[in-house]
Amino acid sequence: MMKKLLLTTICLLIITTFGAFAQTVFKVGSKYDADIKVFAVNSKYDADLVVYEVKSKYDADKDGRWFFTNSKYNAKKKVFFVKSKYDADLKVYFASSKYDAGWRNRSKQHLLK
């Protein structure tokens, strides 16, 4: 029993450590289920974070590179997209290039930690 508990703890620690930098997100249907309320802006100059949507969770290796997962259990953060920027914790702009992804307002970084 003790060995099983120790093994489980070690596995969780490894998963948490290596997943700490991945920005794997799950889109929820209610703001009450979300970790972060997000508003998508039309200009990168209005954004706190410029986001590039990647096709694989392994490509979500830097700030602003988001992988949308189909399971909330595989997500680092659960996000809800609000209709008003005034209701948002974080304003994002979706870029067409991964090289544009990154923080524009570093004071909001704690939201994705």
PDB file of N, CA and C in Angstrom:
ATOM      1  N   MET A   1       0.824  -1.196   0.000  1.00  0.00           N
ATOM      2  CA  MET A   1       0.000   0.000   0.000  1.00  0.00           C
ATOM      3  C   MET A   1       0.868   1.259   0.000  1.00  0.00           C
ATOM      4  N   MET A   2       1.894   1.276   0.837  1.00  0.00           N
ATOM      5  CA  MET A   2       2.766   2.443   0.936  1.00  0.00           C
ATOM      6  C   MET A   2       3.566   2.639  -0.348  1.00  0.00           C
ATOM      7  N   LYS A   3       4.005   1.528  -0.959  1.00  0.00           N
ATOM      8  CA  LYS A   3       4.762   1.619  -2.209  1.00  0.00           C
ATOM      9  C   LYS A   3       3.893   2.179  -3.328  1.00  0.00           C
ATOM     10  N   LYS A   4       2.638   1.764  -3.344  1.00  0.00           N
ATOM     11  CA  LYS A   4       1.708   2.240  -4.368  1.00  0.00           C
ATOM     12  C   LYS A   4       1.469   3.746  -4.214  1.00  0.00           C
ATOM     13  N   LEU A   5       1.314   4.192  -2.987  1.00  0.00           N
ATOM     14  CA  LEU A   5       1.116   5.609  -2.717  1.00  0.00           C
ATOM     15  C   LEU A   5       2.350   6.415  -3.110  1.00  0.00           C
ATOM     16  N   LEU A   6       3.520   5.906  -2.791  1.00  0.00           N
ATOM     17  CA  LEU A   6       4.768   6.575  -3.147  1.00  0.00           C
ATOM     18  C   LEU A   6       4.936   6.652  -4.661  1.00  0.00           C
ATOM     19  N   LEU A   7       4.644   5.566  -5.352  1.00  0.00           N
ATOM     20  CA  LEU A   7       4.747   5.530  -6.810  1.00  0.00           C
ATOM     21  C   LEU A   7       3.769   6.519  -7.451  1.00  0.00           C
ATOM     22  N   THR A   8       2.557   6.570  -6.936  1.00  0.00           N
ATOM     23  CA  THR A   8       1.555   7.506  -7.446  1.00  0.00           C
ATOM     24  C   THR A   8       2.004   8.947  -7.235  1.00  0.00           C
ATOM     25  N   THR A   9       2.540   9.241  -6.074  1.00  0.00           N
ATOM     26  CA  THR A   9       3.033  10.586  -5.773  1.00  0.00           C
ATOM     27  C   THR A   9       4.166  10.980  -6.707  1.00  0.00           C
ATOM     28  N   ILE A  10       5.091  10.081  -6.942  1.00  0.00           N
ATOM     29  CA  ILE A  10       6.217  10.361  -7.844  1.00  0.00           C
ATOM     30  C   ILE A  10       5.716  10.605  -9.264  1.00  0.00           C
ATOM     31  N   CYS A  11       4.780   9.790  -9.725  1.00  0.00           N
ATOM     32  CA  CYS A  11       4.225   9.962 -11.078  1.00  0.00           C
ATOM     33  C   CYS A  11       3.531  11.317 -11.218  1.00  0.00           C
ATOM     34  N   LEU A  12       2.747  11.690 -10.219  1.00  0.00           N
ATOM     35  CA  LEU A  12       2.072  12.989 -10.264  1.00  0.00           C
ATOM     36  C   LEU A  12       3.063  14.143 -10.259  1.00  0.00           C
ATOM     37  N   LEU A  13       4.121  14.009  -9.499  1.00  0.00           N
ATOM     38  CA  LEU A  13       5.151  15.037  -9.456  1.00  0.00           C
ATOM     39  C   LEU A  13       5.827  15.195 -10.810  1.00  0.00           C
ATOM     40  N   ILE A  14       6.133  14.093 -11.452  1.00  0.00           N
ATOM     41  CA  ILE A  14       6.767  14.136 -12.775  1.00  0.00           C
ATOM     42  C   ILE A  14       5.833  14.768 -13.801  1.00  0.00           C
ATOM     43  N   ILE A  15       4.581  14.349 -13.801  1.00  0.00           N
ATOM     44  CA  ILE A  15       3.609  14.897 -14.752  1.00  0.00           C
ATOM     45  C   ILE A  15       3.428  16.389 -14.531  1.00  0.00           C
ATOM     46  N   THR A  16       3.310  16.805 -13.282  1.00  0.00           N
ATOM     47  CA  THR A  16       3.140  18.217 -12.966  1.00  0.00           C
ATOM     48  C   THR A  16       4.358  19.028 -13.366  1.00  0.00           C
ATOM     49  N   THR A  17       5.540  18.520 -13.107  1.00  0.00           N
ATOM     50  CA  THR A  17       6.769  19.243 -13.428  1.00  0.00           C
ATOM     51  C   THR A  17       6.934  19.436 -14.924  1.00  0.00           C
ATOM     52  N   PHE A  18       6.747  18.370 -15.691  1.00  0.00           N
ATOM     53  CA  PHE A  18       6.944  18.481 -17.132  1.00  0.00           C
ATOM     54  C   PHE A  18       5.790  19.185 -17.821  1.00  0.00           C
ATOM     55  N   GLY A  19       4.614  19.182 -17.217  1.00  0.00           N
ATOM     56  CA  GLY A  19       3.466  19.854 -17.808  1.00  0.00           C
ATOM     57  C   GLY A  19       3.353  21.310 -17.416  1.00  0.00           C
ATOM     58  N   ALA A  20       4.261  21.781 -16.573  1.00  0.00           N
ATOM     59  CA  ALA A  20       4.162  23.145 -16.065  1.00  0.00           C
ATOM     60  C   ALA A  20       4.335  24.198 -17.145  1.00  0.00           C
ATOM     61  N   PHE A  21       5.059  23.880 -18.190  1.00  0.00           N
ATOM     62  CA  PHE A  21       5.307  24.866 -19.228  1.00  0.00           C
ATOM     63  C   PHE A  21       4.319  24.761 -20.380  1.00  0.00           C
ATOM     64  N   ALA A  22       3.608  23.663 -20.476  1.00  0.00           N
ATOM     65  CA  ALA A  22       2.658  23.476 -21.562  1.00  0.00           C
ATOM     66  C   ALA A  22       1.420  24.320 -21.315  1.00  0.00           C
ATOM     67  N   GLN A  23       0.913  24.924 -22.366  1.00  0.00           N
ATOM     68  CA  GLN A  23      -0.307  25.702 -22.245  1.00  0.00           C
ATOM     69  C   GLN A  23      -1.427  24.940 -22.944  1.00  0.00           C
ATOM     70  N   THR A  24      -1.851  23.892 -22.262  1.00  0.00           N
ATOM     71  CA  THR A  24      -2.945  23.068 -22.739  1.00  0.00           C
ATOM     72  C   THR A  24      -4.214  23.582 -22.086  1.00  0.00           C
ATOM     73  N   VAL A  25      -5.190  23.968 -22.905  1.00  0.00           N
ATOM     74  CA  VAL A  25      -6.399  24.591 -22.378  1.00  0.00           C
ATOM     75  C   VAL A  25      -7.640  23.827 -22.830  1.00  0.00           C
ATOM     76  N   PHE A  26      -8.679  23.973 -22.031  1.00  0.00           N
ATOM     77  CA  PHE A  26      -9.973  23.377 -22.332  1.00  0.00           C
ATOM     78  C   PHE A  26     -11.012  24.483 -22.277  1.00  0.00           C
ATOM     79  N   LYS A  27     -11.826  24.574 -23.307  1.00  0.00           N
ATOM     80  CA  LYS A  27     -12.864  25.597 -23.369  1.00  0.00           C
ATOM     81  C   LYS A  27     -14.118  25.072 -22.671  1.00  0.00           C
ATOM     82  N   VAL A  28     -14.544  25.768 -21.615  1.00  0.00           N
ATOM     83  CA  VAL A  28     -15.729  25.362 -20.856  1.00  0.00           C
ATOM     84  C   VAL A  28     -16.934  26.195 -21.284  1.00  0.00           C
ATOM     85  N   GLY A  29     -18.118  25.714 -20.944  1.00  0.00           N
ATOM     86  CA  GLY A  29     -19.346  26.379 -21.356  1.00  0.00           C
ATOM     87  C   GLY A  29     -19.900  27.371 -20.354  1.00  0.00           C
ATOM     88  N   SER A  30     -19.282  27.466 -19.188  1.00  0.00           N
ATOM     89  CA  SER A  30     -19.772  28.358 -18.143  1.00  0.00           C
ATOM     90  C   SER A  30     -18.609  29.077 -17.473  1.00  0.00           C
ATOM     91  N   LYS A  31     -18.808  30.354 -17.177  1.00  0.00           N
ATOM     92  CA  LYS A  31     -17.738  31.113 -16.513  1.00  0.00           C
ATOM     93  C   LYS A  31     -17.460  30.584 -15.110  1.00  0.00           C
ATOM     94  N   TYR A  32     -18.429  29.901 -14.527  1.00  0.00           N
ATOM     95  CA  TYR A  32     -18.258  29.364 -13.180  1.00  0.00           C
ATOM     96  C   TYR A  32     -17.356  28.129 -13.154  1.00  0.00           C
ATOM     97  N   ASP A  33     -17.202  27.478 -14.300  1.00  0.00           N
ATOM     98  CA  ASP A  33     -16.324  26.309 -14.403  1.00  0.00           C
ATOM     99  C   ASP A  33     -14.909  26.679 -14.825  1.00  0.00           C
ATOM    100  N   ALA A  34     -14.687  27.943 -15.136  1.00  0.00           N
ATOM    101  CA  ALA A  34     -13.411  28.376 -15.717  1.00  0.00           C
ATOM    102  C   ALA A  34     -12.395  28.785 -14.659  1.00  0.00           C
ATOM    103  N   ASP A  35     -11.130  28.558 -15.007  1.00  0.00           N
ATOM    104  CA  ASP A  35     -10.028  29.112 -14.220  1.00  0.00           C
ATOM    105  C   ASP A  35      -9.783  30.561 -14.631  1.00  0.00           C
ATOM    106  N   ILE A  36      -9.981  30.829 -15.926  1.00  0.00           N
ATOM    107  CA  ILE A  36      -9.715  32.156 -16.486  1.00  0.00           C
ATOM    108  C   ILE A  36     -10.838  32.541 -17.441  1.00  0.00           C
ATOM    109  N   LYS A  37     -11.289  33.794 -17.338  1.00  0.00           N
ATOM    110  CA  LYS A  37     -12.243  34.334 -18.306  1.00  0.00           C
ATOM    111  C   LYS A  37     -11.437  35.096 -19.359  1.00  0.00           C
ATOM    112  N   VAL A  38     -11.671  34.754 -20.627  1.00  0.00           N
ATOM    113  CA  VAL A  38     -10.859  35.260 -21.732  1.00  0.00           C
ATOM    114  C   VAL A  38     -11.737  36.024 -22.717  1.00  0.00           C
ATOM    115  N   PHE A  39     -11.187  37.117 -23.237  1.00  0.00           N
ATOM    116  CA  PHE A  39     -11.850  37.869 -24.303  1.00  0.00           C
ATOM    117  C   PHE A  39     -10.909  37.931 -25.496  1.00  0.00           C
ATOM    118  N   ALA A  40     -11.422  37.580 -26.671  1.00  0.00           N
ATOM    119  CA  ALA A  40     -10.620  37.621 -27.899  1.00  0.00           C
ATOM    120  C   ALA A  40     -10.746  39.008 -28.528  1.00  0.00           C
ATOM    121  N   VAL A  41      -9.619  39.702 -28.644  1.00  0.00           N
ATOM    122  CA  VAL A  41      -9.597  41.050 -29.223  1.00  0.00           C
ATOM    123  C   VAL A  41      -9.238  40.975 -30.705  1.00  0.00           C
ATOM    124  N   ASN A  42      -9.478  42.076 -31.422  1.00  0.00           N
ATOM    125  CA  ASN A  42      -9.243  42.116 -32.865  1.00  0.00           C
ATOM    126  C   ASN A  42      -7.863  42.612 -33.250  1.00  0.00           C
ATOM    127  N   SER A  43      -7.117  43.116 -32.278  1.00  0.00           N
ATOM    128  CA  SER A  43      -5.784  43.650 -32.562  1.00  0.00           C
ATOM    129  C   SER A  43      -4.793  43.143 -31.521  1.00  0.00           C
ATOM    130  N   LYS A  44      -3.611  42.767 -31.971  1.00  0.00           N
ATOM    131  CA  LYS A  44      -2.614  42.276 -31.010  1.00  0.00           C
ATOM    132  C   LYS A  44      -2.168  43.375 -30.058  1.00  0.00           C
ATOM    133  N   TYR A  45      -2.355  44.622 -30.459  1.00  0.00           N
ATOM    134  CA  TYR A  45      -1.957  45.746 -29.609  1.00  0.00           C
ATOM    135  C   TYR A  45      -2.896  45.940 -28.421  1.00  0.00           C
ATOM    136  N   ASP A  46      -4.091  45.359 -28.505  1.00  0.00           N
ATOM    137  CA  ASP A  46      -5.050  45.424 -27.398  1.00  0.00           C
ATOM    138  C   ASP A  46      -4.961  44.202 -26.484  1.00  0.00           C
ATOM    139  N   ALA A  47      -4.125  43.248 -26.842  1.00  0.00           N
ATOM    140  CA  ALA A  47      -4.067  41.966 -26.134  1.00  0.00           C
ATOM    141  C   ALA A  47      -3.072  41.981 -24.979  1.00  0.00           C
ATOM    142  N   ASP A  48      -3.391  41.175 -23.967  1.00  0.00           N
ATOM    143  CA  ASP A  48      -2.427  40.880 -22.905  1.00  0.00           C
ATOM    144  C   ASP A  48      -1.491  39.769 -23.370  1.00  0.00           C
ATOM    145  N   LEU A  49      -2.048  38.854 -24.159  1.00  0.00           N
ATOM    146  CA  LEU A  49      -1.307  37.695 -24.647  1.00  0.00           C
ATOM    147  C   LEU A  49      -1.669  37.439 -26.103  1.00  0.00           C
ATOM    148  N   VAL A  50      -0.654  37.289 -26.937  1.00  0.00           N
ATOM    149  CA  VAL A  50      -0.868  36.885 -28.324  1.00  0.00           C
ATOM    150  C   VAL A  50      -0.772  35.363 -28.354  1.00  0.00           C
ATOM    151  N   VAL A  51      -1.827  34.725 -28.857  1.00  0.00           N
ATOM    152  CA  VAL A  51      -1.945  33.271 -28.833  1.00  0.00           C
ATOM    153  C   VAL A  51      -1.863  32.710 -30.244  1.00  0.00           C
ATOM    154  N   TYR A  52      -1.138  31.617 -30.354  1.00  0.00           N
ATOM    155  CA  TYR A  52      -1.126  30.834 -31.588  1.00  0.00           C
ATOM    156  C   TYR A  52      -1.631  29.447 -31.228  1.00  0.00           C
ATOM    157  N   GLU A  53      -2.656  28.995 -31.929  1.00  0.00           N
ATOM    158  CA  GLU A  53      -3.227  27.675 -31.652  1.00  0.00           C
ATOM    159  C   GLU A  53      -2.418  26.605 -32.372  1.00  0.00           C
ATOM    160  N   VAL A  54      -1.835  25.698 -31.587  1.00  0.00           N
ATOM    161  CA  VAL A  54      -1.006  24.624 -32.147  1.00  0.00           C
ATOM    162  C   VAL A  54      -1.842  23.359 -32.323  1.00  0.00           C
ATOM    163  N   LYS A  55      -1.358  22.459 -33.151  1.00  0.00           N
ATOM    164  CA  LYS A  55      -2.094  21.233 -33.491  1.00  0.00           C
ATOM    165  C   LYS A  55      -1.811  20.073 -32.534  1.00  0.00           C
ATOM    166  N   SER A  56      -0.732  20.181 -31.756  1.00  0.00           N
ATOM    167  CA  SER A  56      -0.328  19.096 -30.862  1.00  0.00           C
ATOM    168  C   SER A  56       0.035  19.661 -29.494  1.00  0.00           C
ATOM    169  N   LYS A  57      -0.259  18.907 -28.444  1.00  0.00           N
ATOM    170  CA  LYS A  57       0.095  19.369 -27.100  1.00  0.00           C
ATOM    171  C   LYS A  57       1.606  19.497 -26.932  1.00  0.00           C
ATOM    172  N   TYR A  58       2.353  18.767 -27.735  1.00  0.00           N
ATOM    173  CA  TYR A  58       3.815  18.830 -27.654  1.00  0.00           C
ATOM    174  C   TYR A  58       4.371  20.123 -28.253  1.00  0.00           C
ATOM    175  N   ASP A  59       3.566  20.797 -29.059  1.00  0.00           N
ATOM    176  CA  ASP A  59       3.977  22.083 -29.635  1.00  0.00           C
ATOM    177  C   ASP A  59       3.606  23.261 -28.735  1.00  0.00           C
ATOM    178  N   ALA A  60       2.847  22.996 -27.678  1.00  0.00           N
ATOM    179  CA  ALA A  60       2.450  24.042 -26.735  1.00  0.00           C
ATOM    180  C   ALA A  60       3.552  24.218 -25.701  1.00  0.00           C
ATOM    181  N   ASP A  61       4.739  24.550 -26.198  1.00  0.00           N
ATOM    182  CA  ASP A  61       5.930  24.542 -25.357  1.00  0.00           C
ATOM    183  C   ASP A  61       6.423  25.927 -24.948  1.00  0.00           C
ATOM    184  N   LYS A  62       5.748  26.968 -25.419  1.00  0.00           N
ATOM    185  CA  LYS A  62       6.163  28.333 -25.083  1.00  0.00           C
ATOM    186  C   LYS A  62       4.936  29.171 -24.772  1.00  0.00           C
ATOM    187  N   ASP A  63       5.161  30.306 -24.120  1.00  0.00           N
ATOM    188  CA  ASP A  63       4.065  31.209 -23.792  1.00  0.00           C
ATOM    189  C   ASP A  63       3.309  31.617 -25.047  1.00  0.00           C
ATOM    190  N   GLY A  64       1.987  31.533 -24.961  1.00  0.00           N
ATOM    191  CA  GLY A  64       1.146  31.941 -26.068  1.00  0.00           C
ATOM    192  C   GLY A  64       0.846  30.852 -27.075  1.00  0.00           C
ATOM    193  N   ARG A  65       1.480  29.714 -26.944  1.00  0.00           N
ATOM    194  CA  ARG A  65       1.178  28.592 -27.836  1.00  0.00           C
ATOM    195  C   ARG A  65       0.202  27.678 -27.109  1.00  0.00           C
ATOM    196  N   TRP A  66      -1.049  27.737 -27.531  1.00  0.00           N
ATOM    197  CA  TRP A  66      -2.112  27.007 -26.853  1.00  0.00           C
ATOM    198  C   TRP A  66      -2.534  25.790 -27.655  1.00  0.00           C
ATOM    199  N   PHE A  67      -2.728  24.700 -26.933  1.00  0.00           N
ATOM    200  CA  PHE A  67      -3.333  23.505 -27.505  1.00  0.00           C
ATOM    201  C   PHE A  67      -4.680  23.316 -26.822  1.00  0.00           C
ATOM    202  N   PHE A  68      -5.752  23.296 -27.613  1.00  0.00           N
ATOM    203  CA  PHE A  68      -7.086  23.075 -27.070  1.00  0.00           C
ATOM    204  C   PHE A  68      -7.352  21.573 -27.021  1.00  0.00           C
ATOM    205  N   THR A  69      -7.496  21.060 -25.811  1.00  0.00           N
ATOM    206  CA  THR A  69      -7.742  19.635 -25.610  1.00  0.00           C
ATOM    207  C   THR A  69      -9.245  19.370 -25.514  1.00  0.00           C
ATOM    208  N   ASN A  70      -9.634  18.144 -25.780  1.00  0.00           N
ATOM    209  CA  ASN A  70     -11.045  17.758 -25.711  1.00  0.00           C
ATOM    210  C   ASN A  70     -11.460  17.298 -24.319  1.00  0.00           C
ATOM    211  N   SER A  71     -10.513  17.241 -23.402  1.00  0.00           N
ATOM    212  CA  SER A  71     -10.799  16.766 -22.050  1.00  0.00           C
ATOM    213  C   SER A  71     -10.319  17.781 -21.016  1.00  0.00           C
ATOM    214  N   LYS A  72     -11.209  18.143 -20.113  1.00  0.00           N
ATOM    215  CA  LYS A  72     -10.808  19.100 -19.075  1.00  0.00           C
ATOM    216  C   LYS A  72      -9.761  18.506 -18.140  1.00  0.00           C
ATOM    217  N   TYR A  73      -9.682  17.184 -18.088  1.00  0.00           N
ATOM    218  CA  TYR A  73      -8.713  16.531 -17.210  1.00  0.00           C
ATOM    219  C   TYR A  73      -7.291  16.599 -17.768  1.00  0.00           C
ATOM    220  N   ASN A  74      -7.161  16.812 -19.069  1.00  0.00           N
ATOM    221  CA  ASN A  74      -5.838  16.937 -19.696  1.00  0.00           C
ATOM    222  C   ASN A  74      -5.379  18.382 -19.798  1.00  0.00           C
ATOM    223  N   ALA A  75      -6.214  19.308 -19.368  1.00  0.00           N
ATOM    224  CA  ALA A  75      -5.915  20.732 -19.511  1.00  0.00           C
ATOM    225  C   ALA A  75      -5.187  21.285 -18.298  1.00  0.00           C
ATOM    226  N   LYS A  76      -4.287  22.209 -18.570  1.00  0.00           N
ATOM    227  CA  LYS A  76      -3.642  22.944 -17.490  1.00  0.00           C
ATOM    228  C   LYS A  76      -4.585  24.032 -16.979  1.00  0.00           C
ATOM    229  N   LYS A  77      -5.314  24.653 -17.902  1.00  0.00           N
ATOM    230  CA  LYS A  77      -6.267  25.701 -17.539  1.00  0.00           C
ATOM    231  C   LYS A  77      -7.575  25.502 -18.283  1.00  0.00           C
ATOM    232  N   LYS A  78      -8.671  25.832 -17.593  1.00  0.00           N
ATOM    233  CA  LYS A  78      -9.995  25.831 -18.210  1.00  0.00           C
ATOM    234  C   LYS A  78     -10.360  27.288 -18.480  1.00  0.00           C
ATOM    235  N   VAL A  79     -10.725  27.579 -19.729  1.00  0.00           N
ATOM    236  CA  VAL A  79     -11.020  28.956 -20.113  1.00  0.00           C
ATOM    237  C   VAL A  79     -12.466  29.087 -20.572  1.00  0.00           C
ATOM    238  N   PHE A  80     -13.010  30.259 -20.317  1.00  0.00           N
ATOM    239  CA  PHE A  80     -14.345  30.606 -20.798  1.00  0.00           C
ATOM    240  C   PHE A  80     -14.215  31.909 -21.563  1.00  0.00           C
ATOM    241  N   PHE A  81     -14.733  31.925 -22.787  1.00  0.00           N
ATOM    242  CA  PHE A  81     -14.661  33.124 -23.613  1.00  0.00           C
ATOM    243  C   PHE A  81     -15.874  34.006 -23.328  1.00  0.00           C
ATOM    244  N   VAL A  82     -15.609  35.206 -22.827  1.00  0.00           N
ATOM    245  CA  VAL A  82     -16.662  36.158 -22.483  1.00  0.00           C
ATOM    246  C   VAL A  82     -16.931  37.083 -23.661  1.00  0.00           C
ATOM    247  N   LYS A  83     -18.066  37.777 -23.620  1.00  0.00           N
ATOM    248  CA  LYS A  83     -18.480  38.641 -24.729  1.00  0.00           C
ATOM    249  C   LYS A  83     -18.039  40.089 -24.552  1.00  0.00           C
ATOM    250  N   SER A  84     -17.535  40.414 -23.380  1.00  0.00           N
ATOM    251  CA  SER A  84     -17.100  41.782 -23.106  1.00  0.00           C
ATOM    252  C   SER A  84     -15.696  41.780 -22.514  1.00  0.00           C
ATOM    253  N   LYS A  85     -14.870  42.698 -22.974  1.00  0.00           N
ATOM    254  CA  LYS A  85     -13.505  42.779 -22.439  1.00  0.00           C
ATOM    255  C   LYS A  85     -13.502  43.162 -20.966  1.00  0.00           C
ATOM    256  N   TYR A  86     -14.580  43.796 -20.518  1.00  0.00           N
ATOM    257  CA  TYR A  86     -14.662  44.218 -19.122  1.00  0.00           C
ATOM    258  C   TYR A  86     -14.920  43.048 -18.168  1.00  0.00           C
ATOM    259  N   ASP A  87     -15.401  41.936 -18.706  1.00  0.00           N
ATOM    260  CA  ASP A  87     -15.639  40.741 -17.894  1.00  0.00           C
ATOM    261  C   ASP A  87     -14.442  39.795 -17.892  1.00  0.00           C
ATOM    262  N   ALA A  88     -13.415  40.120 -18.665  1.00  0.00           N
ATOM    263  CA  ALA A  88     -12.287  39.207 -18.880  1.00  0.00           C
ATOM    264  C   ALA A  88     -11.174  39.392 -17.859  1.00  0.00           C
ATOM    265  N   ASP A  89     -10.546  38.268 -17.528  1.00  0.00           N
ATOM    266  CA  ASP A  89      -9.307  38.296 -16.756  1.00  0.00           C
ATOM    267  C   ASP A  89      -8.122  38.513 -17.689  1.00  0.00           C
ATOM    268  N   LEU A  90      -8.276  38.026 -18.926  1.00  0.00           N
ATOM    269  CA  LEU A  90      -7.175  38.024 -19.890  1.00  0.00           C
ATOM    270  C   LEU A  90      -7.716  38.331 -21.280  1.00  0.00           C
ATOM    271  N   LYS A  91      -7.060  39.267 -21.974  1.00  0.00           N
ATOM    272  CA  LYS A  91      -7.418  39.584 -23.360  1.00  0.00           C
ATOM    273  C   LYS A  91      -6.390  38.931 -24.273  1.00  0.00           C
ATOM    274  N   VAL A  92      -6.878  38.152 -25.242  1.00  0.00           N
ATOM    275  CA  VAL A  92      -5.981  37.446 -26.151  1.00  0.00           C
ATOM    276  C   VAL A  92      -6.270  37.830 -27.594  1.00  0.00           C
ATOM    277  N   TYR A  93      -5.219  37.750 -28.394  1.00  0.00           N
ATOM    278  CA  TYR A  93      -5.332  37.925 -29.839  1.00  0.00           C
ATOM    279  C   TYR A  93      -4.819  36.651 -30.477  1.00  0.00           C
ATOM    280  N   PHE A  94      -5.584  36.073 -31.392  1.00  0.00           N
ATOM    281  CA  PHE A  94      -5.170  34.848 -32.062  1.00  0.00           C
ATOM    282  C   PHE A  94      -4.373  35.197 -33.313  1.00  0.00           C
ATOM    283  N   ALA A  95      -3.095  34.842 -33.287  1.00  0.00           N
ATOM    284  CA  ALA A  95      -2.168  35.157 -34.375  1.00  0.00           C
ATOM    285  C   ALA A  95      -2.130  34.023 -35.390  1.00  0.00           C
ATOM    286  N   SER A  96      -1.665  34.349 -36.581  1.00  0.00           N
ATOM    287  CA  SER A  96      -1.551  33.338 -37.639  1.00  0.00           C
ATOM    288  C   SER A  96      -0.148  32.738 -37.705  1.00  0.00           C
ATOM    289  N   SER A  97       0.759  33.249 -36.875  1.00  0.00           N
ATOM    290  CA  SER A  97       2.131  32.735 -36.854  1.00  0.00           C
ATOM    291  C   SER A  97       2.551  32.429 -35.419  1.00  0.00           C
ATOM    292  N   LYS A  98       3.208  31.295 -35.234  1.00  0.00           N
ATOM    293  CA  LYS A  98       3.667  30.924 -33.892  1.00  0.00           C
ATOM    294  C   LYS A  98       4.737  31.877 -33.376  1.00  0.00           C
ATOM    295  N   TYR A  99       5.405  32.563 -34.277  1.00  0.00           N
ATOM    296  CA  TYR A  99       6.476  33.476 -33.881  1.00  0.00           C
ATOM    297  C   TYR A  99       5.945  34.775 -33.272  1.00  0.00           C
ATOM    298  N   ASP A 100       4.669  35.060 -33.479  1.00  0.00           N
ATOM    299  CA  ASP A 100       4.048  36.246 -32.883  1.00  0.00           C
ATOM    300  C   ASP A 100       3.543  35.985 -31.468  1.00  0.00           C
ATOM    301  N   ALA A 101       3.452  34.724 -31.086  1.00  0.00           N
ATOM    302  CA  ALA A 101       2.883  34.355 -29.789  1.00  0.00           C
ATOM    303  C   ALA A 101       3.771  34.827 -28.645  1.00  0.00           C
ATOM    304  N   GLY A 102       3.115  35.303 -27.590  1.00  0.00           N
ATOM    305  CA  GLY A 102       3.851  35.724 -26.400  1.00  0.00           C
ATOM    306  C   GLY A 102       3.115  36.808 -25.636  1.00  0.00           C
ATOM    307  N   TRP A 103       3.680  37.158 -24.513  1.00  0.00           N
ATOM    308  CA  TRP A 103       3.069  38.146 -23.622  1.00  0.00           C
ATOM    309  C   TRP A 103       3.290  39.567 -24.117  1.00  0.00           C
ATOM    310  N   ARG A 104       2.237  40.370 -24.034  1.00  0.00           N
ATOM    311  CA  ARG A 104       2.339  41.810 -24.262  1.00  0.00           C
ATOM    312  C   ARG A 104       2.169  42.541 -22.923  1.00  0.00           C
ATOM    313  N   ASN A 105       1.496  41.889 -21.991  1.00  0.00           N
ATOM    314  CA  ASN A 105       1.298  42.446 -20.653  1.00  0.00           C
ATOM    315  C   ASN A 105       1.750  41.393 -19.644  1.00  0.00           C
ATOM    316  N   ARG A 106       2.997  41.465 -19.251  1.00  0.00           N
ATOM    317  CA  ARG A 106       3.583  40.435 -18.383  1.00  0.00           C
ATOM    318  C   ARG A 106       2.978  40.405 -16.976  1.00  0.00           C
ATOM    319  N   SER A 107       2.265  41.433 -16.592  1.00  0.00           N
ATOM    320  CA  SER A 107       1.639  41.430 -15.266  1.00  0.00           C
ATOM    321  C   SER A 107       0.509  40.398 -15.166  1.00  0.00           C
ATOM    322  N   LYS A 108       0.084  39.852 -16.287  1.00  0.00           N
ATOM    323  CA  LYS A 108      -0.982  38.847 -16.304  1.00  0.00           C
ATOM    324  C   LYS A 108      -0.449  37.414 -16.351  1.00  0.00           C
ATOM    325  N   GLN A 109       0.858  37.245 -16.372  1.00  0.00           N
ATOM    326  CA  GLN A 109       1.455  35.908 -16.482  1.00  0.00           C
ATOM    327  C   GLN A 109       0.993  34.955 -15.390  1.00  0.00           C
ATOM    328  N   HIS A 110       0.735  35.479 -14.216  1.00  0.00           N
ATOM    329  CA  HIS A 110       0.327  34.627 -13.097  1.00  0.00           C
ATOM    330  C   HIS A 110      -0.962  33.854 -13.391  1.00  0.00           C
ATOM    331  N   LEU A 111      -1.763  34.338 -14.322  1.00  0.00           N
ATOM    332  CA  LEU A 111      -3.022  33.670 -14.648  1.00  0.00           C
ATOM    333  C   LEU A 111      -2.820  32.297 -15.277  1.00  0.00           C
ATOM    334  N   LEU A 112      -1.684  32.100 -15.936  1.00  0.00           N
ATOM    335  CA  LEU A 112      -1.420  30.818 -16.597  1.00  0.00           C
ATOM    336  C   LEU A 112      -0.395  29.972 -15.864  1.00  0.00           C
ATOM    337  N   LYS A 113       0.014  30.370 -14.690  1.00  0.00           N
ATOM    338  CA  LYS A 113       0.986  29.589 -13.902  1.00  0.00           C
ATOM    339  C   LYS A 113       0.287  28.480 -13.164  1.00  0.00           C
TER     340      LYS A 113
END
